[in-house]
């Protein structure tokens, strides 16, 4: 029997995720996710999802053929008081604009840095999914070693999303 065929009880799932038994994943704070827009310095418009009011910024970057909606389960699952979670639609994806053609991953990473500037985000933990991982790594490479680190890489995953992976990402983020 492979793990995806196994049925987990709530207690087993929380133990697997490394969550304390008194704080199950299902009881995490849930609130509405705000969908907003912002004009970037390069003329593109980003649509993004925002959830939470915490001091720590968690930037969630979707992969190819996707949008920020990919992160809704994670946005709802993490404590809103601990994180300010931002999940943008990259240029040409979701509801974001596509005025200038994308020539490379560097274009998307420059957009991501412009997005951070537009929202006055000085520092963030970044979680990238598939192509989003490449965008996040390229954005981090834009900083010299002498700079104060502005991005902390959390994960770049290459395979399709599943409920187990989303819950594992939630457990990882809860320990950050």
C-alpha atoms as a PDB file:
ATOM      1  CA  UNK A   1       0.000   0.000   0.000  1.00  0.00           C
ATOM      2  CA  UNK A   2       1.444   3.368  -0.922  1.00  0.00           C
ATOM      3  CA  UNK A   3       1.088   6.396   1.345  1.00  0.00           C
ATOM      4  CA  UNK A   4      -1.425   8.197  -0.883  1.00  0.00           C
ATOM      5  CA  UNK A   5      -3.829   5.232  -0.532  1.00  0.00           C
ATOM      6  CA  UNK A   6      -3.653   5.308   3.245  1.00  0.00           C
ATOM      7  CA  UNK A   7      -6.501   6.888   5.183  1.00  0.00           C
ATOM      8  CA  UNK A   8      -5.234   8.989   8.073  1.00  0.00           C
ATOM      9  CA  UNK A   9      -7.121   9.724  11.260  1.00  0.00           C
ATOM     10  CA  UNK A  10      -6.967  13.340  12.429  1.00  0.00           C
ATOM     11  CA  UNK A  11      -4.523  12.340  15.178  1.00  0.00           C
ATOM     12  CA  UNK A  12      -2.243  10.447  12.755  1.00  0.00           C
ATOM     13  CA  UNK A  13      -2.292  13.330  10.295  1.00  0.00           C
ATOM     14  CA  UNK A  14      -1.335  15.861  12.980  1.00  0.00           C
ATOM     15  CA  UNK A  15       1.420  13.577  14.261  1.00  0.00           C
ATOM     16  CA  UNK A  16       2.750  13.128  10.692  1.00  0.00           C
ATOM     17  CA  UNK A  17       2.684  16.899  10.180  1.00  0.00           C
ATOM     18  CA  UNK A  18       4.515  17.432  13.453  1.00  0.00           C
ATOM     19  CA  UNK A  19       1.687  19.491  14.972  1.00  0.00           C
ATOM     20  CA  UNK A  20       0.998  19.358  18.706  1.00  0.00           C
ATOM     21  CA  UNK A  21      -2.069  17.292  19.558  1.00  0.00           C
ATOM     22  CA  UNK A  22      -3.720  20.298  21.243  1.00  0.00           C
ATOM     23  CA  UNK A  23      -3.504  22.397  18.079  1.00  0.00           C
ATOM     24  CA  UNK A  24      -4.807  20.450  15.104  1.00  0.00           C
ATOM     25  CA  UNK A  25      -4.458  21.835  11.591  1.00  0.00           C
ATOM     26  CA  UNK A  26      -8.222  22.014  11.252  1.00  0.00           C
ATOM     27  CA  UNK A  27      -8.496  24.560  14.079  1.00  0.00           C
ATOM     28  CA  UNK A  28      -6.110  27.043  12.449  1.00  0.00           C
ATOM     29  CA  UNK A  29      -7.432  30.555  12.143  1.00  0.00           C
ATOM     30  CA  UNK A  30      -9.533  30.993   9.011  1.00  0.00           C
ATOM     31  CA  UNK A  31     -10.540  34.316   7.580  1.00  0.00           C
ATOM     32  CA  UNK A  32     -11.315  35.753   4.210  1.00  0.00           C
ATOM     33  CA  UNK A  33      -8.493  36.219   1.760  1.00  0.00           C
ATOM     34  CA  UNK A  34      -8.293  39.724   0.316  1.00  0.00           C
ATOM     35  CA  UNK A  35      -7.709  39.996  -3.432  1.00  0.00           C
ATOM     36  CA  UNK A  36      -5.921  43.228  -4.299  1.00  0.00           C
ATOM     37  CA  UNK A  37      -4.035  44.879  -7.134  1.00  0.00           C
ATOM     38  CA  UNK A  38      -0.887  46.985  -7.322  1.00  0.00           C
ATOM     39  CA  UNK A  39       0.853  48.915 -10.106  1.00  0.00           C
ATOM     40  CA  UNK A  40       4.519  47.930 -10.519  1.00  0.00           C
ATOM     41  CA  UNK A  41       7.280  50.380 -11.438  1.00  0.00           C
ATOM     42  CA  UNK A  42       7.663  48.687 -14.857  1.00  0.00           C
ATOM     43  CA  UNK A  43       4.046  49.430 -15.839  1.00  0.00           C
ATOM     44  CA  UNK A  44       2.665  45.938 -15.172  1.00  0.00           C
ATOM     45  CA  UNK A  45      -0.212  45.425 -12.757  1.00  0.00           C
ATOM     46  CA  UNK A  46      -0.068  42.566 -10.264  1.00  0.00           C
ATOM     47  CA  UNK A  47      -3.145  41.014  -8.721  1.00  0.00           C
ATOM     48  CA  UNK A  48      -2.385  39.304  -5.425  1.00  0.00           C
ATOM     49  CA  UNK A  49      -3.964  37.554  -2.496  1.00  0.00           C
ATOM     50  CA  UNK A  50      -3.254  38.850   1.000  1.00  0.00           C
ATOM     51  CA  UNK A  51      -4.051  37.206   4.286  1.00  0.00           C
ATOM     52  CA  UNK A  52      -2.859  37.901   7.802  1.00  0.00           C
ATOM     53  CA  UNK A  53      -1.473  40.831   9.725  1.00  0.00           C
ATOM     54  CA  UNK A  54       1.696  39.398  11.244  1.00  0.00           C
ATOM     55  CA  UNK A  55       5.118  41.009  11.142  1.00  0.00           C
ATOM     56  CA  UNK A  56       6.725  38.129   9.250  1.00  0.00           C
ATOM     57  CA  UNK A  57       6.056  38.275   5.509  1.00  0.00           C
ATOM     58  CA  UNK A  58       5.570  35.005   3.658  1.00  0.00           C
ATOM     59  CA  UNK A  59       5.703  35.451  -0.118  1.00  0.00           C
ATOM     60  CA  UNK A  60       4.105  32.582  -2.048  1.00  0.00           C
ATOM     61  CA  UNK A  61       5.027  32.252  -5.739  1.00  0.00           C
ATOM     62  CA  UNK A  62       2.967  29.952  -7.970  1.00  0.00           C
ATOM     63  CA  UNK A  63       4.281  27.849 -10.833  1.00  0.00           C
ATOM     64  CA  UNK A  64       3.616  27.691 -14.566  1.00  0.00           C
ATOM     65  CA  UNK A  65       0.028  27.322 -15.800  1.00  0.00           C
ATOM     66  CA  UNK A  66      -1.285  28.352 -12.398  1.00  0.00           C
ATOM     67  CA  UNK A  67      -2.115  31.435 -10.360  1.00  0.00           C
ATOM     68  CA  UNK A  68      -2.182  32.617  -6.764  1.00  0.00           C
ATOM     69  CA  UNK A  69      -5.331  30.556  -6.181  1.00  0.00           C
ATOM     70  CA  UNK A  70      -2.941  27.609  -5.795  1.00  0.00           C
ATOM     71  CA  UNK A  71      -2.057  28.916  -2.333  1.00  0.00           C
ATOM     72  CA  UNK A  72      -5.581  29.406  -0.914  1.00  0.00           C
ATOM     73  CA  UNK A  73      -5.466  26.281   1.291  1.00  0.00           C
ATOM     74  CA  UNK A  74      -2.140  27.341   2.758  1.00  0.00           C
ATOM     75  CA  UNK A  75      -3.288  30.944   3.223  1.00  0.00           C
ATOM     76  CA  UNK A  76      -6.330  29.774   5.157  1.00  0.00           C
ATOM     77  CA  UNK A  77      -4.357  27.216   7.147  1.00  0.00           C
ATOM     78  CA  UNK A  78      -1.640  29.412   8.615  1.00  0.00           C
ATOM     79  CA  UNK A  79      -2.177  31.646  11.658  1.00  0.00           C
ATOM     80  CA  UNK A  80      -3.205  35.081  10.347  1.00  0.00           C
ATOM     81  CA  UNK A  81      -1.807  36.832  13.403  1.00  0.00           C
ATOM     82  CA  UNK A  82       1.668  35.418  12.874  1.00  0.00           C
ATOM     83  CA  UNK A  83       2.195  36.069   9.159  1.00  0.00           C
ATOM     84  CA  UNK A  84       1.392  38.581   6.468  1.00  0.00           C
ATOM     85  CA  UNK A  85       1.000  36.236   3.518  1.00  0.00           C
ATOM     86  CA  UNK A  86       1.215  37.556  -0.033  1.00  0.00           C
ATOM     87  CA  UNK A  87       0.519  35.404  -3.091  1.00  0.00           C
ATOM     88  CA  UNK A  88       0.865  37.350  -6.355  1.00  0.00           C
ATOM     89  CA  UNK A  89      -0.271  36.335  -9.825  1.00  0.00           C
ATOM     90  CA  UNK A  90       2.895  36.536 -11.906  1.00  0.00           C
ATOM     91  CA  UNK A  91       2.892  38.572 -15.125  1.00  0.00           C
ATOM     92  CA  UNK A  92       0.539  36.983 -17.648  1.00  0.00           C
ATOM     93  CA  UNK A  93      -1.042  34.641 -15.085  1.00  0.00           C
ATOM     94  CA  UNK A  94      -4.307  34.939 -13.192  1.00  0.00           C
ATOM     95  CA  UNK A  95      -5.571  38.504 -13.277  1.00  0.00           C
ATOM     96  CA  UNK A  96      -2.175  40.210 -13.611  1.00  0.00           C
ATOM     97  CA  UNK A  97      -1.345  42.205 -16.727  1.00  0.00           C
ATOM     98  CA  UNK A  98       0.824  41.123 -19.644  1.00  0.00           C
ATOM     99  CA  UNK A  99       1.932  44.353 -21.347  1.00  0.00           C
ATOM    100  CA  UNK A 100       5.522  43.290 -22.056  1.00  0.00           C
ATOM    101  CA  UNK A 101       6.417  39.782 -23.256  1.00  0.00           C
ATOM    102  CA  UNK A 102       8.340  37.567 -20.846  1.00  0.00           C
ATOM    103  CA  UNK A 103      11.805  36.828 -22.229  1.00  0.00           C
ATOM    104  CA  UNK A 104      13.194  34.883 -19.271  1.00  0.00           C
ATOM    105  CA  UNK A 105      12.764  33.958 -15.622  1.00  0.00           C
ATOM    106  CA  UNK A 106      14.753  37.116 -14.828  1.00  0.00           C
ATOM    107  CA  UNK A 107      11.808  39.214 -16.085  1.00  0.00           C
ATOM    108  CA  UNK A 108       9.483  37.487 -13.628  1.00  0.00           C
ATOM    109  CA  UNK A 109      11.966  37.819 -10.768  1.00  0.00           C
ATOM    110  CA  UNK A 110      12.364  41.554 -11.478  1.00  0.00           C
ATOM    111  CA  UNK A 111       8.566  41.824 -11.347  1.00  0.00           C
ATOM    112  CA  UNK A 112       8.605  40.023  -7.994  1.00  0.00           C
ATOM    113  CA  UNK A 113      11.177  42.469  -6.602  1.00  0.00           C
ATOM    114  CA  UNK A 114       9.132  45.399  -7.967  1.00  0.00           C
ATOM    115  CA  UNK A 115       6.088  43.866  -6.251  1.00  0.00           C
ATOM    116  CA  UNK A 116       7.971  43.811  -2.946  1.00  0.00           C
ATOM    117  CA  UNK A 117       9.030  47.429  -3.472  1.00  0.00           C
ATOM    118  CA  UNK A 118       5.471  48.525  -4.310  1.00  0.00           C
ATOM    119  CA  UNK A 119       4.201  46.991  -1.056  1.00  0.00           C
ATOM    120  CA  UNK A 120       7.216  48.268   0.944  1.00  0.00           C
ATOM    121  CA  UNK A 121       8.270  44.731   1.887  1.00  0.00           C
ATOM    122  CA  UNK A 122      11.882  44.843   3.078  1.00  0.00           C
ATOM    123  CA  UNK A 123      12.288  41.188   3.986  1.00  0.00           C
ATOM    124  CA  UNK A 124      10.323  38.009   3.281  1.00  0.00           C
ATOM    125  CA  UNK A 125      10.426  34.254   3.479  1.00  0.00           C
ATOM    126  CA  UNK A 126       9.647  32.914   0.009  1.00  0.00           C
ATOM    127  CA  UNK A 127       7.941  29.680  -0.889  1.00  0.00           C
ATOM    128  CA  UNK A 128       8.027  28.907  -4.608  1.00  0.00           C
ATOM    129  CA  UNK A 129       6.181  26.141  -6.409  1.00  0.00           C
ATOM    130  CA  UNK A 130       7.801  24.690  -9.542  1.00  0.00           C
ATOM    131  CA  UNK A 131       8.548  27.674 -11.820  1.00  0.00           C
ATOM    132  CA  UNK A 132       7.814  29.888  -8.816  1.00  0.00           C
ATOM    133  CA  UNK A 133      10.857  28.323  -7.141  1.00  0.00           C
ATOM    134  CA  UNK A 134      13.000  29.410 -10.091  1.00  0.00           C
ATOM    135  CA  UNK A 135      11.554  32.921  -9.952  1.00  0.00           C
ATOM    136  CA  UNK A 136      12.284  33.118  -6.208  1.00  0.00           C
ATOM    137  CA  UNK A 137      15.860  31.823  -6.623  1.00  0.00           C
ATOM    138  CA  UNK A 138      16.515  34.296  -9.450  1.00  0.00           C
ATOM    139  CA  UNK A 139      15.168  37.127  -7.285  1.00  0.00           C
ATOM    140  CA  UNK A 140      17.455  36.089  -4.411  1.00  0.00           C
ATOM    141  CA  UNK A 141      20.429  36.001  -6.813  1.00  0.00           C
ATOM    142  CA  UNK A 142      19.859  39.716  -7.529  1.00  0.00           C
ATOM    143  CA  UNK A 143      21.312  40.570  -4.114  1.00  0.00           C
ATOM    144  CA  UNK A 144      25.066  40.746  -3.518  1.00  0.00           C
ATOM    145  CA  UNK A 145      26.622  38.862  -0.571  1.00  0.00           C
ATOM    146  CA  UNK A 146      27.225  42.187   1.204  1.00  0.00           C
ATOM    147  CA  UNK A 147      23.516  43.042   1.172  1.00  0.00           C
ATOM    148  CA  UNK A 148      21.296  42.353   4.155  1.00  0.00           C
ATOM    149  CA  UNK A 149      19.366  39.212   3.132  1.00  0.00           C
ATOM    150  CA  UNK A 150      15.937  40.250   1.879  1.00  0.00           C
ATOM    151  CA  UNK A 151      14.678  36.830   0.822  1.00  0.00           C
ATOM    152  CA  UNK A 152      14.843  33.551   2.679  1.00  0.00           C
ATOM    153  CA  UNK A 153      14.180  30.536   0.499  1.00  0.00           C
ATOM    154  CA  UNK A 154      11.808  28.059   2.049  1.00  0.00           C
ATOM    155  CA  UNK A 155      10.951  25.548  -0.672  1.00  0.00           C
ATOM    156  CA  UNK A 156      10.984  24.946  -4.391  1.00  0.00           C
ATOM    157  CA  UNK A 157       8.918  21.866  -5.252  1.00  0.00           C
ATOM    158  CA  UNK A 158       8.766  20.369  -8.763  1.00  0.00           C
ATOM    159  CA  UNK A 159       5.707  18.110  -8.613  1.00  0.00           C
ATOM    160  CA  UNK A 160       1.943  18.649  -8.725  1.00  0.00           C
ATOM    161  CA  UNK A 161       0.217  19.815  -5.576  1.00  0.00           C
ATOM    162  CA  UNK A 162      -1.748  17.452  -3.355  1.00  0.00           C
ATOM    163  CA  UNK A 163      -3.486  17.820  -0.012  1.00  0.00           C
ATOM    164  CA  UNK A 164      -0.633  16.015   1.748  1.00  0.00           C
ATOM    165  CA  UNK A 165       1.976  18.377   0.321  1.00  0.00           C
ATOM    166  CA  UNK A 166      -0.098  21.452   1.211  1.00  0.00           C
ATOM    167  CA  UNK A 167      -0.486  20.214   4.771  1.00  0.00           C
ATOM    168  CA  UNK A 168       3.230  19.423   5.013  1.00  0.00           C
ATOM    169  CA  UNK A 169       4.043  22.951   3.760  1.00  0.00           C
ATOM    170  CA  UNK A 170       1.702  24.282   6.420  1.00  0.00           C
ATOM    171  CA  UNK A 171       3.563  22.330   9.097  1.00  0.00           C
ATOM    172  CA  UNK A 172       6.908  23.634   7.812  1.00  0.00           C
ATOM    173  CA  UNK A 173       5.663  27.217   7.778  1.00  0.00           C
ATOM    174  CA  UNK A 174       4.274  26.869  11.315  1.00  0.00           C
ATOM    175  CA  UNK A 175       7.781  26.061  12.552  1.00  0.00           C
ATOM    176  CA  UNK A 176       9.318  29.125  10.847  1.00  0.00           C
END
